[in-house]
Amino acid sequence: MRKQGQQYEEIAKSYLKNRGLSPICDNFNCRVGEIDLIMKDNNSLVFIEVKQRANNDFGGAISAVTPAKQRRIIKTAMVYCQSKHINFEQQACRFDVVAITGSIEPYQFQWVKNAFPN
């Protein structure tokens, strides 16, 4: 399952690179949680959750990013910033979700910028 997740994270990273974002880190892990992708968009640090679903049944991929998941991502982002000596309060950052629908190409992408507040 992890290998499949990495495959879709690579697809999402390529999609975002084609839209001007620069990759910084893939799969940042700590005791609090994991962030799939960390990228830069101009001066903003962007923490990205990637979700893939074969179809939109049961609410689709976006609905899988629950409030509890959002809190874990925010806490993990704070740990990342601390580990890189970045002041989380002063650094412009946002939390995006990239939802990929489909299990074969062509995929459908839904990129939600500022998907939840920090």
Protein backbone atom coordinates (compact mmCIF):
# COMPACT_ATOMS: atom_id res chain seq x y z
CA MET A 1 0.00 0.00 0.00
CA ARG A 2 2.85 2.40 0.83
CA LYS A 3 4.40 1.80 -2.60
CA GLN A 4 1.11 2.72 -4.27
CA GLY A 5 0.88 5.86 -2.14
CA GLN A 6 4.39 6.90 -3.18
CA GLN A 7 3.43 6.41 -6.83
CA TYR A 8 0.54 8.87 -6.50
CA GLU A 9 2.68 11.29 -4.50
CA GLU A 10 5.16 11.33 -7.39
CA ILE A 11 2.30 11.97 -9.83
CA ALA A 12 1.05 14.83 -7.64
CA LYS A 13 4.57 16.27 -7.32
CA SER A 14 4.95 16.29 -11.10
CA TYR A 15 1.53 17.92 -11.46
CA LEU A 16 2.50 20.67 -9.00
CA LYS A 17 5.96 21.20 -10.50
CA ASN A 18 4.25 21.79 -13.85
CA ARG A 19 2.26 24.53 -12.11
CA GLY A 20 5.32 26.34 -10.76
CA LEU A 21 5.94 24.81 -7.33
CA SER A 22 9.44 23.71 -6.34
CA PRO A 23 9.95 20.48 -4.38
CA ILE A 24 11.66 20.66 -1.00
CA CYS A 25 10.93 17.37 0.77
CA ASP A 26 9.01 14.14 0.19
CA ASN A 27 7.47 12.14 3.03
CA PHE A 28 8.57 14.06 6.08
CA ASN A 29 7.96 11.76 9.05
CA CYS A 30 8.13 12.38 12.76
CA ARG A 31 6.47 10.96 15.86
CA VAL A 32 3.48 13.28 15.34
CA GLY A 33 2.70 12.30 11.75
CA GLU A 34 3.69 12.54 8.11
CA ILE A 35 3.51 15.15 5.38
CA ASP A 36 3.42 13.75 1.86
CA LEU A 37 5.05 16.69 0.05
CA ILE A 38 6.62 19.96 1.08
CA MET A 39 7.08 22.45 -1.73
CA LYS A 40 7.75 26.13 -2.23
CA ASP A 41 5.32 28.45 -4.05
CA ASN A 42 7.05 31.81 -4.41
CA ASN A 43 7.79 32.72 -0.77
CA SER A 44 5.26 30.32 0.75
CA LEU A 45 6.10 26.96 2.24
CA VAL A 46 3.37 24.56 1.11
CA PHE A 47 2.53 21.39 3.05
CA ILE A 48 0.65 19.02 0.78
CA GLU A 49 -1.54 16.03 1.56
CA VAL A 50 -2.04 13.71 -1.42
CA LYS A 51 -5.12 11.50 -1.57
CA GLN A 52 -6.08 9.08 -4.31
CA ARG A 53 -9.34 7.28 -4.88
CA ALA A 54 -10.46 5.10 -7.76
CA ASN A 55 -13.76 7.03 -7.94
CA ASN A 56 -15.79 9.64 -6.10
CA ASP A 57 -18.01 7.16 -4.29
CA PHE A 58 -18.19 7.72 -0.53
CA GLY A 59 -17.21 11.41 -0.80
CA GLY A 60 -14.04 11.07 -2.85
CA ALA A 61 -10.48 11.80 -1.84
CA ILE A 62 -10.98 15.27 -0.36
CA SER A 63 -13.36 13.97 2.30
CA ALA A 64 -10.56 11.72 3.62
CA VAL A 65 -8.73 14.76 5.03
CA THR A 66 -10.65 14.91 8.30
CA PRO A 67 -10.28 17.61 10.98
CA ALA A 68 -8.16 15.16 13.03
CA LYS A 69 -5.89 14.57 10.01
CA GLN A 70 -5.63 18.33 9.50
CA ARG A 71 -4.51 18.84 13.12
CA ARG A 72 -1.83 16.12 12.72
CA ILE A 73 -0.56 17.73 9.51
CA ILE A 74 -0.34 21.16 11.18
CA LYS A 75 1.55 19.73 14.17
CA THR A 76 3.88 17.83 11.83
CA ALA A 77 4.51 21.03 9.85
CA MET A 78 5.49 22.76 13.09
CA VAL A 79 7.96 19.95 13.86
CA TYR A 80 9.38 20.23 10.33
CA CYS A 81 9.87 23.99 10.70
CA GLN A 82 11.48 23.55 14.10
CA SER A 83 13.86 20.91 12.71
CA LYS A 84 14.91 23.33 9.92
CA HIS A 85 15.11 26.37 12.25
CA ILE A 86 12.21 28.07 10.44
CA ASN A 87 9.96 30.30 12.52
CA PHE A 88 6.53 28.77 11.81
CA GLU A 89 4.78 31.95 12.98
CA GLN A 90 6.76 34.20 10.62
CA GLN A 91 7.10 31.94 7.56
CA ALA A 92 4.28 32.28 5.03
CA CYS A 93 2.85 28.80 4.72
CA ARG A 94 -0.28 27.05 3.62
CA PHE A 95 -1.83 23.60 3.61
CA ASP A 96 -2.97 22.18 0.28
CA VAL A 97 -4.67 18.94 -0.69
CA VAL A 98 -4.20 17.27 -4.05
CA ALA A 99 -6.91 14.72 -4.76
CA ILE A 100 -6.32 12.28 -7.58
CA THR A 101 -9.29 10.40 -8.92
CA GLY A 102 -8.80 7.34 -11.10
CA SER A 103 -6.49 4.38 -11.03
CA ILE A 104 -5.21 4.69 -14.60
CA GLU A 105 -4.38 7.68 -16.77
CA PRO A 106 -5.86 10.11 -17.50
CA TYR A 107 -6.23 11.03 -13.84
CA GLN A 108 -8.51 13.77 -12.60
CA PHE A 109 -6.83 16.26 -10.29
CA GLN A 110 -8.40 18.51 -7.72
CA TRP A 111 -5.90 20.89 -6.14
CA VAL A 112 -7.29 22.71 -3.14
CA LYS A 113 -5.04 25.57 -2.06
CA ASN A 114 -5.39 26.67 1.54
CA ALA A 115 -7.50 23.58 2.17
CA PHE A 116 -7.48 24.29 5.89
CA PRO A 117 -6.17 27.08 8.15
CA ASN A 118 -3.00 26.81 10.25
